[in-house]
Amino acid sequence: MKSEESLSRFDLLKWLVVSALIILSVYANAEYADVSPILRALTGAVVGVLVVLIAINTVKGAAVWLLAKEARVEIRKVVWPTTQELTQTTLIVVVVVVFVAFILWGLDSGLSWAIQGIIG
């Protein structure tokens, strides 16, 4: 693995190349709008892969890549609810929301009735 010093030495240049590639690809996509959309999409994908590969070789890019790999590991540890648990939880939330809505409607109606009684 490269040392952090060698990674950071050319980081500014790499980010300038990444920025230039993105700007150039956006311009080229607009300029060559009459070219086949499949060809433009493939070219954009190739440029996108190139941009990612260059960015990963910077200190910040490597940190983002490491974060993404760690997030993927953590997502695999999540215990997702079953369909039955999801349905029951959803029904409970809907019932509570409707119940609170009726309470707020009752308070609003009662206060409106009281205010109208006082004002006349």
N, C-alpha and C. Protein backbone atom coordinates (compact mmCIF):
# COMPACT_ATOMS: atom_id res chain seq x y z
N MET A 1 0.85 -1.19 0.00
CA MET A 1 0.00 0.00 0.00
C MET A 1 0.89 1.24 0.00
N LYS A 2 0.44 2.26 -0.67
CA LYS A 2 1.21 3.49 -0.75
C LYS A 2 1.16 4.22 0.59
N SER A 3 2.24 4.93 0.87
CA SER A 3 2.23 5.72 2.11
C SER A 3 1.34 6.93 1.91
N GLU A 4 0.91 7.50 3.04
CA GLU A 4 -0.01 8.64 2.97
C GLU A 4 0.66 9.85 2.33
N GLU A 5 1.99 9.97 2.52
CA GLU A 5 2.70 11.10 1.93
C GLU A 5 2.70 11.01 0.42
N SER A 6 2.93 9.82 -0.12
CA SER A 6 2.94 9.68 -1.57
C SER A 6 1.54 9.81 -2.13
N LEU A 7 0.52 9.42 -1.34
CA LEU A 7 -0.86 9.61 -1.79
C LEU A 7 -1.22 11.08 -1.85
N SER A 8 -0.77 11.85 -0.87
CA SER A 8 -1.21 13.23 -0.79
C SER A 8 -0.37 14.18 -1.64
N ARG A 9 0.75 13.72 -2.16
CA ARG A 9 1.64 14.62 -2.90
C ARG A 9 0.97 15.17 -4.16
N PHE A 10 0.24 14.34 -4.88
CA PHE A 10 -0.37 14.74 -6.14
C PHE A 10 -1.90 14.85 -6.03
N ASP A 11 -2.42 14.94 -4.81
CA ASP A 11 -3.87 14.98 -4.63
C ASP A 11 -4.52 16.16 -5.35
N LEU A 12 -3.94 17.33 -5.23
CA LEU A 12 -4.53 18.51 -5.87
C LEU A 12 -4.58 18.31 -7.39
N LEU A 13 -3.52 17.79 -7.95
CA LEU A 13 -3.50 17.54 -9.39
C LEU A 13 -4.56 16.52 -9.78
N LYS A 14 -4.71 15.46 -8.98
CA LYS A 14 -5.70 14.43 -9.27
C LYS A 14 -7.11 15.01 -9.20
N TRP A 15 -7.39 15.85 -8.20
CA TRP A 15 -8.73 16.46 -8.09
C TRP A 15 -8.99 17.42 -9.25
N LEU A 16 -7.95 18.12 -9.70
CA LEU A 16 -8.11 18.98 -10.87
C LEU A 16 -8.42 18.15 -12.12
N VAL A 17 -7.76 17.01 -12.27
CA VAL A 17 -8.04 16.12 -13.41
C VAL A 17 -9.46 15.59 -13.32
N VAL A 18 -9.89 15.18 -12.12
CA VAL A 18 -11.25 14.69 -11.93
C VAL A 18 -12.26 15.78 -12.30
N SER A 19 -12.04 16.99 -11.80
CA SER A 19 -12.95 18.10 -12.10
C SER A 19 -12.98 18.39 -13.60
N ALA A 20 -11.82 18.40 -14.22
CA ALA A 20 -11.76 18.67 -15.65
C ALA A 20 -12.47 17.58 -16.45
N LEU A 21 -12.30 16.32 -16.06
CA LEU A 21 -12.99 15.24 -16.76
C LEU A 21 -14.50 15.35 -16.63
N ILE A 22 -14.98 15.71 -15.45
CA ILE A 22 -16.42 15.85 -15.25
C ILE A 22 -16.97 17.00 -16.09
N ILE A 23 -16.29 18.14 -16.03
CA ILE A 23 -16.75 19.31 -16.80
C ILE A 23 -16.70 19.01 -18.29
N LEU A 24 -15.61 18.39 -18.74
CA LEU A 24 -15.47 18.06 -20.16
C LEU A 24 -16.54 17.06 -20.61
N SER A 25 -16.85 16.08 -19.76
CA SER A 25 -17.86 15.09 -20.17
C SER A 25 -19.25 15.70 -20.22
N VAL A 26 -19.56 16.61 -19.30
CA VAL A 26 -20.86 17.30 -19.35
C VAL A 26 -20.95 18.15 -20.62
N TYR A 27 -19.88 18.87 -20.93
CA TYR A 27 -19.86 19.70 -22.13
C TYR A 27 -19.99 18.83 -23.39
N ALA A 28 -19.22 17.74 -23.43
CA ALA A 28 -19.26 16.86 -24.61
C ALA A 28 -20.63 16.23 -24.78
N ASN A 29 -21.26 15.86 -23.67
CA ASN A 29 -22.59 15.26 -23.75
C ASN A 29 -23.60 16.25 -24.33
N ALA A 30 -23.48 17.52 -23.94
CA ALA A 30 -24.38 18.54 -24.47
C ALA A 30 -24.04 18.88 -25.93
N GLU A 31 -22.75 18.94 -26.23
CA GLU A 31 -22.31 19.32 -27.57
C GLU A 31 -22.66 18.24 -28.60
N TYR A 32 -22.56 16.98 -28.21
CA TYR A 32 -22.83 15.88 -29.13
C TYR A 32 -24.19 15.24 -28.83
N ALA A 33 -25.19 16.07 -28.65
CA ALA A 33 -26.54 15.58 -28.33
C ALA A 33 -27.14 14.77 -29.48
N ASP A 34 -26.66 15.00 -30.70
CA ASP A 34 -27.21 14.27 -31.85
C ASP A 34 -26.58 12.89 -32.03
N VAL A 35 -25.55 12.57 -31.28
CA VAL A 35 -24.92 11.25 -31.34
C VAL A 35 -25.81 10.25 -30.59
N SER A 36 -25.69 8.99 -30.93
CA SER A 36 -26.49 7.93 -30.34
C SER A 36 -26.46 7.99 -28.80
N PRO A 37 -27.64 7.93 -28.16
CA PRO A 37 -27.67 7.97 -26.69
C PRO A 37 -26.92 6.81 -26.04
N ILE A 38 -26.90 5.66 -26.70
CA ILE A 38 -26.18 4.51 -26.15
C ILE A 38 -24.68 4.79 -26.14
N LEU A 39 -24.19 5.36 -27.22
CA LEU A 39 -22.77 5.70 -27.30
C LEU A 39 -22.40 6.75 -26.25
N ARG A 40 -23.26 7.76 -26.09
CA ARG A 40 -22.99 8.78 -25.07
C ARG A 40 -23.04 8.19 -23.66
N ALA A 41 -23.98 7.27 -23.42
CA ALA A 41 -24.08 6.64 -22.10
C ALA A 41 -22.85 5.79 -21.81
N LEU A 42 -22.40 5.01 -22.81
CA LEU A 42 -21.19 4.20 -22.62
C LEU A 42 -19.97 5.08 -22.37
N THR A 43 -19.85 6.16 -23.12
CA THR A 43 -18.74 7.08 -22.91
C THR A 43 -18.81 7.69 -21.51
N GLY A 44 -20.00 8.07 -21.11
CA GLY A 44 -20.16 8.62 -19.76
C GLY A 44 -19.81 7.61 -18.68
N ALA A 45 -20.17 6.35 -18.90
CA ALA A 45 -19.84 5.31 -17.93
C ALA A 45 -18.33 5.10 -17.84
N VAL A 46 -17.66 5.10 -18.98
CA VAL A 46 -16.20 4.94 -18.99
C VAL A 46 -15.54 6.11 -18.27
N VAL A 47 -15.99 7.32 -18.57
CA VAL A 47 -15.42 8.50 -17.91
C VAL A 47 -15.73 8.45 -16.41
N GLY A 48 -16.93 8.00 -16.05
CA GLY A 48 -17.29 7.89 -14.63
C GLY A 48 -16.39 6.91 -13.90
N VAL A 49 -16.12 5.77 -14.50
CA VAL A 49 -15.22 4.78 -13.88
C VAL A 49 -13.82 5.36 -13.75
N LEU A 50 -13.36 6.05 -14.78
CA LEU A 50 -12.04 6.68 -14.74
C LEU A 50 -11.97 7.72 -13.63
N VAL A 51 -13.02 8.53 -13.50
CA VAL A 51 -13.07 9.56 -12.45
C VAL A 51 -13.01 8.91 -11.07
N VAL A 52 -13.77 7.84 -10.88
CA VAL A 52 -13.78 7.16 -9.58
C VAL A 52 -12.41 6.56 -9.29
N LEU A 53 -11.79 5.93 -10.28
CA LEU A 53 -10.47 5.34 -10.06
C LEU A 53 -9.42 6.39 -9.70
N ILE A 54 -9.49 7.54 -10.34
CA ILE A 54 -8.54 8.60 -10.01
C ILE A 54 -8.84 9.14 -8.61
N ALA A 55 -10.11 9.36 -8.30
CA ALA A 55 -10.47 9.94 -7.00
C ALA A 55 -10.13 9.00 -5.85
N ILE A 56 -10.26 7.70 -6.05
CA ILE A 56 -9.95 6.74 -4.99
C ILE A 56 -8.47 6.77 -4.63
N ASN A 57 -7.63 7.19 -5.56
CA ASN A 57 -6.20 7.25 -5.31
C ASN A 57 -5.76 8.53 -4.61
N THR A 58 -6.70 9.28 -4.06
CA THR A 58 -6.37 10.43 -3.23
C THR A 58 -6.65 10.06 -1.78
N VAL A 59 -6.16 10.86 -0.84
CA VAL A 59 -6.36 10.56 0.57
C VAL A 59 -7.84 10.60 0.92
N LYS A 60 -8.53 11.66 0.51
CA LYS A 60 -9.96 11.77 0.81
C LYS A 60 -10.77 10.71 0.07
N GLY A 61 -10.41 10.43 -1.16
CA GLY A 61 -11.11 9.41 -1.92
C GLY A 61 -10.94 8.03 -1.29
N ALA A 62 -9.74 7.74 -0.81
CA ALA A 62 -9.50 6.46 -0.15
C ALA A 62 -10.31 6.36 1.14
N ALA A 63 -10.43 7.48 1.85
CA ALA A 63 -11.22 7.49 3.09
C ALA A 63 -12.70 7.25 2.78
N VAL A 64 -13.21 7.85 1.72
CA VAL A 64 -14.61 7.64 1.33
C VAL A 64 -14.82 6.19 0.90
N TRP A 65 -13.89 5.63 0.17
CA TRP A 65 -13.99 4.24 -0.27
C TRP A 65 -14.00 3.30 0.94
N LEU A 66 -13.14 3.57 1.91
CA LEU A 66 -13.10 2.76 3.13
C LEU A 66 -14.42 2.88 3.89
N LEU A 67 -14.95 4.09 3.97
CA LEU A 67 -16.25 4.30 4.64
C LEU A 67 -17.36 3.51 3.93
N ALA A 68 -17.34 3.52 2.60
CA ALA A 68 -18.37 2.79 1.85
C ALA A 68 -18.25 1.29 2.09
N LYS A 69 -17.02 0.77 2.14
CA LYS A 69 -16.85 -0.67 2.40
C LYS A 69 -17.31 -1.02 3.82
N GLU A 70 -17.01 -0.16 4.80
CA GLU A 70 -17.44 -0.42 6.17
C GLU A 70 -18.95 -0.32 6.29
N ALA A 71 -19.56 0.62 5.58
CA ALA A 71 -21.02 0.75 5.60
C ALA A 71 -21.67 -0.50 5.00
N ARG A 72 -21.09 -1.04 3.97
CA ARG A 72 -21.63 -2.27 3.36
C ARG A 72 -21.58 -3.43 4.35
N VAL A 73 -20.49 -3.52 5.11
CA VAL A 73 -20.38 -4.57 6.12
C VAL A 73 -21.45 -4.38 7.19
N GLU A 74 -21.66 -3.14 7.63
CA GLU A 74 -22.65 -2.87 8.67
C GLU A 74 -24.07 -3.14 8.18
N ILE A 75 -24.35 -2.81 6.92
CA ILE A 75 -25.69 -3.05 6.36
C ILE A 75 -26.00 -4.54 6.36
N ARG A 76 -24.99 -5.37 6.14
CA ARG A 76 -25.21 -6.82 6.14
C ARG A 76 -25.53 -7.35 7.54
N LYS A 77 -25.18 -6.58 8.57
CA LYS A 77 -25.45 -7.01 9.95
C LYS A 77 -26.88 -6.67 10.38
N VAL A 78 -27.57 -5.84 9.63
CA VAL A 78 -28.92 -5.41 10.00
C VAL A 78 -29.89 -6.59 9.90
N VAL A 79 -30.73 -6.71 10.93
CA VAL A 79 -31.76 -7.74 10.91
C VAL A 79 -33.04 -7.06 10.41
N TRP A 80 -33.44 -7.38 9.20
CA TRP A 80 -34.59 -6.74 8.60
C TRP A 80 -35.87 -7.39 9.11
N PRO A 81 -36.94 -6.61 9.28
CA PRO A 81 -38.19 -7.18 9.79
C PRO A 81 -38.85 -8.10 8.78
N THR A 82 -39.62 -9.06 9.32
CA THR A 82 -40.38 -9.93 8.44
C THR A 82 -41.59 -9.17 7.91
N THR A 83 -42.28 -9.76 6.95
CA THR A 83 -43.46 -9.12 6.38
C THR A 83 -44.54 -8.94 7.45
N GLN A 84 -44.70 -9.93 8.31
CA GLN A 84 -45.70 -9.83 9.38
C GLN A 84 -45.35 -8.71 10.35
N GLU A 85 -44.08 -8.61 10.76
CA GLU A 85 -43.66 -7.54 11.68
C GLU A 85 -43.86 -6.17 11.03
N LEU A 86 -43.53 -6.07 9.77
CA LEU A 86 -43.69 -4.81 9.05
C LEU A 86 -45.16 -4.40 8.97
N THR A 87 -46.03 -5.35 8.66
CA THR A 87 -47.46 -5.08 8.56
C THR A 87 -48.03 -4.66 9.91
N GLN A 88 -47.67 -5.38 10.97
CA GLN A 88 -48.17 -5.04 12.30
C GLN A 88 -47.70 -3.67 12.74
N THR A 89 -46.44 -3.37 12.52
CA THR A 89 -45.90 -2.07 12.91
C THR A 89 -46.58 -0.95 12.13
N THR A 90 -46.79 -1.16 10.85
CA THR A 90 -47.46 -0.16 10.02
C THR A 90 -48.88 0.08 10.51
N LEU A 91 -49.61 -0.98 10.83
CA LEU A 91 -50.98 -0.83 11.33
C LEU A 91 -51.00 -0.09 12.66
N ILE A 92 -50.06 -0.38 13.54
CA ILE A 92 -49.99 0.32 14.82
C ILE A 92 -49.75 1.81 14.59
N VAL A 93 -48.84 2.16 13.70
CA VAL A 93 -48.56 3.56 13.41
C VAL A 93 -49.80 4.25 12.84
N VAL A 94 -50.50 3.61 11.92
CA VAL A 94 -51.70 4.20 11.32
C VAL A 94 -52.77 4.42 12.39
N VAL A 95 -52.98 3.44 13.26
CA VAL A 95 -53.99 3.58 14.32
C VAL A 95 -53.64 4.72 15.26
N VAL A 96 -52.37 4.83 15.66
CA VAL A 96 -51.96 5.90 16.56
C VAL A 96 -52.12 7.26 15.88
N VAL A 97 -51.78 7.36 14.61
CA VAL A 97 -51.92 8.64 13.90
C VAL A 97 -53.39 9.03 13.81
N VAL A 98 -54.27 8.11 13.50
CA VAL A 98 -55.70 8.41 13.42
C VAL A 98 -56.22 8.81 14.80
N PHE A 99 -55.79 8.11 15.85
CA PHE A 99 -56.21 8.43 17.21
C PHE A 99 -55.79 9.85 17.60
N VAL A 100 -54.55 10.19 17.35
CA VAL A 100 -54.06 11.54 17.66
C VAL A 100 -54.77 12.58 16.80
N ALA A 101 -55.09 12.26 15.56
CA ALA A 101 -55.82 13.19 14.71
C ALA A 101 -57.21 13.47 15.28
N PHE A 102 -57.90 12.42 15.80
CA PHE A 102 -59.21 12.64 16.41
C PHE A 102 -59.09 13.48 17.68
N ILE A 103 -58.06 13.26 18.46
CA ILE A 103 -57.86 14.07 19.67
C ILE A 103 -57.64 15.53 19.29
N LEU A 104 -56.77 15.78 18.31
CA LEU A 104 -56.53 17.17 17.88
C LEU A 104 -57.77 17.79 17.26
N TRP A 105 -58.54 17.02 16.49
CA TRP A 105 -59.78 17.52 15.91
C TRP A 105 -60.77 17.89 17.02
N GLY A 106 -60.86 17.03 18.04
CA GLY A 106 -61.75 17.32 19.17
C GLY A 106 -61.33 18.56 19.93
N LEU A 107 -60.03 18.70 20.18
CA LEU A 107 -59.54 19.90 20.87
C LEU A 107 -59.81 21.15 20.04
N ASP A 108 -59.54 21.08 18.75
CA ASP A 108 -59.77 22.22 17.87
C ASP A 108 -61.24 22.59 17.82
N SER A 109 -62.11 21.60 17.68
CA SER A 109 -63.55 21.86 17.63
C SER A 109 -64.04 22.43 18.96
N GLY A 110 -63.57 21.85 20.07
CA GLY A 110 -63.99 22.35 21.39
C GLY A 110 -63.54 23.78 21.64
N LEU A 111 -62.28 24.08 21.29
CA LEU A 111 -61.78 25.44 21.47
C LEU A 111 -62.51 26.41 20.54
N SER A 112 -62.76 26.00 19.30
CA SER A 112 -63.50 26.87 18.38
C SER A 112 -64.91 27.15 18.92
N TRP A 113 -65.57 26.13 19.44
CA TRP A 113 -66.92 26.30 20.00
C TRP A 113 -66.87 27.24 21.20
N ALA A 114 -65.86 27.07 22.06
CA ALA A 114 -65.73 27.93 23.25
C ALA A 114 -65.44 29.37 22.86
N ILE A 115 -64.56 29.59 21.90
CA ILE A 115 -64.24 30.93 21.46
C ILE A 115 -65.44 31.61 20.81
N GLN A 116 -66.18 30.86 20.01
CA GLN A 116 -67.38 31.43 19.39
C GLN A 116 -68.42 31.77 20.43
N GLY A 117 -68.49 30.94 21.48
CA GLY A 117 -69.43 31.24 22.58
C GLY A 117 -69.05 32.51 23.32
N ILE A 118 -67.76 32.74 23.51
CA ILE A 118 -67.31 33.93 24.22
C ILE A 118 -67.45 35.18 23.34
N ILE A 119 -67.04 35.07 22.09
CA ILE A 119 -67.06 36.22 21.19
C ILE A 119 -68.49 36.55 20.78
N GLY A 120 -69.27 35.53 20.57
CA GLY A 120 -70.67 35.77 20.24
C GLY A 120 -70.95 35.39 18.86
